[in-house]
Amino acid sequence: MALFGNAHTVDPAKAQQDYARLLGHGEQVHAAFLLIRDTILFTDRRLILVDKQGITGKKTEYHSIPYRSISHFAVETAGHFDLDAELKIWISGAPTPIQKTFTKGVDIYEVQAILTQFVAR
């Protein structure tokens, strides 16, 4: 669960610079979102999930998902009592979805539109 309403968009140019070592030659970041310590990057080639682990956050897992391997996805909007929105992404061959939680600082409809743009290619 995201805490303290810290989820927000990140300038794609800043994300491009910060995560340059992860990107392939010519790969461009089109959108990025920060969720407390984790980050989601939408590039022109793939979805990158940056998962900071442990208490210090020094250990990091980088999960690369080619858009073609996304079989389907779902968004769940925030409600009156549940203030967080969720994104669920199913990957080909995986029985359970990857889930990311967004607080009201991120428009879940914008996230869904960006993902649709890349998955529908």
Protein backbone atom coordinates (compact mmCIF):
# COMPACT_ATOMS: atom_id res chain seq x y z
CA MET A 1 0.00 0.00 0.00
CA ALA A 2 1.29 3.50 -0.83
CA LEU A 3 1.60 5.78 2.15
CA PHE A 4 1.37 9.52 2.76
CA GLY A 5 0.12 10.41 -0.73
CA ASN A 6 3.66 10.48 -2.17
CA ALA A 7 2.86 8.98 -5.58
CA HIS A 8 3.46 11.45 -8.38
CA THR A 9 4.52 11.82 -11.97
CA VAL A 10 8.19 12.22 -12.81
CA ASP A 11 9.47 14.34 -15.69
CA PRO A 12 10.34 11.87 -18.48
CA ALA A 13 13.58 13.75 -19.26
CA LYS A 14 14.68 13.42 -15.62
CA ALA A 15 13.78 9.71 -15.61
CA GLN A 16 15.68 9.30 -18.88
CA GLN A 17 18.76 10.75 -17.20
CA ASP A 18 18.35 8.93 -13.87
CA TYR A 19 17.85 5.51 -15.48
CA ALA A 20 20.08 5.90 -18.56
CA ARG A 21 22.09 2.79 -17.62
CA LEU A 22 18.94 0.64 -17.93
CA LEU A 23 17.95 1.88 -21.35
CA GLY A 24 18.91 0.41 -24.68
CA HIS A 25 20.47 2.46 -27.45
CA GLY A 26 17.89 5.02 -28.60
CA GLU A 27 15.28 3.90 -26.06
CA GLN A 28 13.17 6.82 -24.80
CA VAL A 29 11.21 7.25 -21.56
CA HIS A 30 7.73 8.58 -22.40
CA ALA A 31 6.25 8.63 -18.89
CA ALA A 32 7.37 7.84 -15.35
CA PHE A 33 5.66 7.57 -11.97
CA LEU A 34 7.17 7.46 -8.49
CA LEU A 35 5.32 5.35 -5.90
CA ILE A 36 7.01 6.03 -2.55
CA ARG A 37 10.31 4.25 -3.33
CA ASP A 38 9.34 2.31 -6.44
CA THR A 39 9.25 3.76 -9.94
CA ILE A 40 7.38 2.77 -13.11
CA LEU A 41 8.90 3.75 -16.45
CA PHE A 42 7.01 3.61 -19.75
CA THR A 43 9.55 3.57 -22.58
CA ASP A 44 8.94 3.24 -26.28
CA ARG A 45 10.01 -0.44 -26.03
CA ARG A 46 8.96 -1.79 -22.65
CA LEU A 47 7.62 -1.22 -19.17
CA ILE A 48 10.29 -1.05 -16.46
CA LEU A 49 9.38 -1.58 -12.80
CA VAL A 50 12.02 -0.33 -10.37
CA ASP A 51 11.50 -2.03 -7.01
CA LYS A 52 13.56 -0.66 -4.10
CA GLN A 53 13.95 -3.40 -1.50
CA GLY A 54 14.88 -3.61 2.15
CA ILE A 55 14.89 -0.97 4.84
CA THR A 56 17.59 1.18 3.23
CA GLY A 57 16.39 0.74 -0.35
CA LYS A 58 19.94 0.12 -1.56
CA LYS A 59 19.00 -3.24 -3.06
CA THR A 60 16.97 -2.69 -6.22
CA GLU A 61 15.20 -5.06 -8.60
CA TYR A 62 14.63 -3.90 -12.18
CA HIS A 63 11.77 -5.76 -13.83
CA SER A 64 11.61 -5.33 -17.61
CA ILE A 65 8.36 -6.21 -19.35
CA PRO A 66 8.13 -6.03 -23.14
CA TYR A 67 4.71 -4.65 -24.04
CA ARG A 68 4.04 -7.64 -26.31
CA SER A 69 4.13 -9.96 -23.27
CA ILE A 70 1.30 -8.12 -21.49
CA SER A 71 -1.79 -10.26 -22.04
CA HIS A 72 -4.18 -7.83 -20.32
CA PHE A 73 -4.38 -5.27 -17.56
CA ALA A 74 -6.91 -3.67 -15.24
CA VAL A 75 -7.21 -0.48 -13.24
CA GLU A 76 -9.21 -0.09 -10.09
CA THR A 77 -10.11 3.46 -9.19
CA ALA A 78 -10.05 4.92 -5.70
CA GLY A 79 -13.27 4.97 -3.70
CA HIS A 80 -14.64 6.88 -0.74
CA PHE A 81 -13.02 4.68 1.87
CA ASP A 82 -10.24 3.10 -0.20
CA LEU A 83 -8.26 6.13 -1.38
CA ASP A 84 -5.72 4.18 -3.43
CA ALA A 85 -6.07 3.15 -7.07
CA GLU A 86 -4.49 -0.04 -8.39
CA LEU A 87 -2.94 -1.18 -11.65
CA LYS A 88 -2.86 -4.92 -12.34
CA ILE A 89 -0.83 -6.31 -15.24
CA TRP A 90 -0.98 -9.91 -16.41
CA ILE A 91 2.10 -11.24 -18.17
CA SER A 92 1.92 -14.15 -20.62
CA GLY A 93 2.54 -17.41 -18.76
CA ALA A 94 2.16 -15.89 -15.27
CA PRO A 95 -0.97 -16.89 -13.33
CA THR A 96 -1.06 -13.85 -11.05
CA PRO A 97 -0.84 -10.20 -12.02
CA ILE A 98 1.79 -7.67 -11.07
CA GLN A 99 0.06 -5.11 -8.84
CA LYS A 100 1.02 -1.50 -8.24
CA THR A 101 -0.80 0.91 -5.95
CA PHE A 102 -1.23 4.60 -6.72
CA THR A 103 -2.40 7.29 -4.31
CA LYS A 104 -4.50 10.27 -5.33
CA GLY A 105 -1.33 12.09 -6.49
CA VAL A 106 -1.48 10.12 -9.78
CA ASP A 107 -4.35 10.05 -12.26
CA ILE A 108 -4.94 6.32 -12.76
CA TYR A 109 -6.79 7.10 -15.99
CA GLU A 110 -3.61 8.70 -17.35
CA VAL A 111 -1.61 5.58 -16.41
CA GLN A 112 -4.21 3.38 -18.12
CA ALA A 113 -4.15 5.56 -21.27
CA ILE A 114 -0.35 5.40 -21.50
CA LEU A 115 -0.33 1.63 -21.06
CA THR A 116 -3.08 1.26 -23.67
CA GLN A 117 -1.07 3.32 -26.13
CA PHE A 118 1.90 0.96 -25.92
CA VAL A 119 0.13 -2.40 -25.52
CA ALA A 120 -2.24 -1.79 -28.44
CA ARG A 121 0.61 -1.32 -30.96
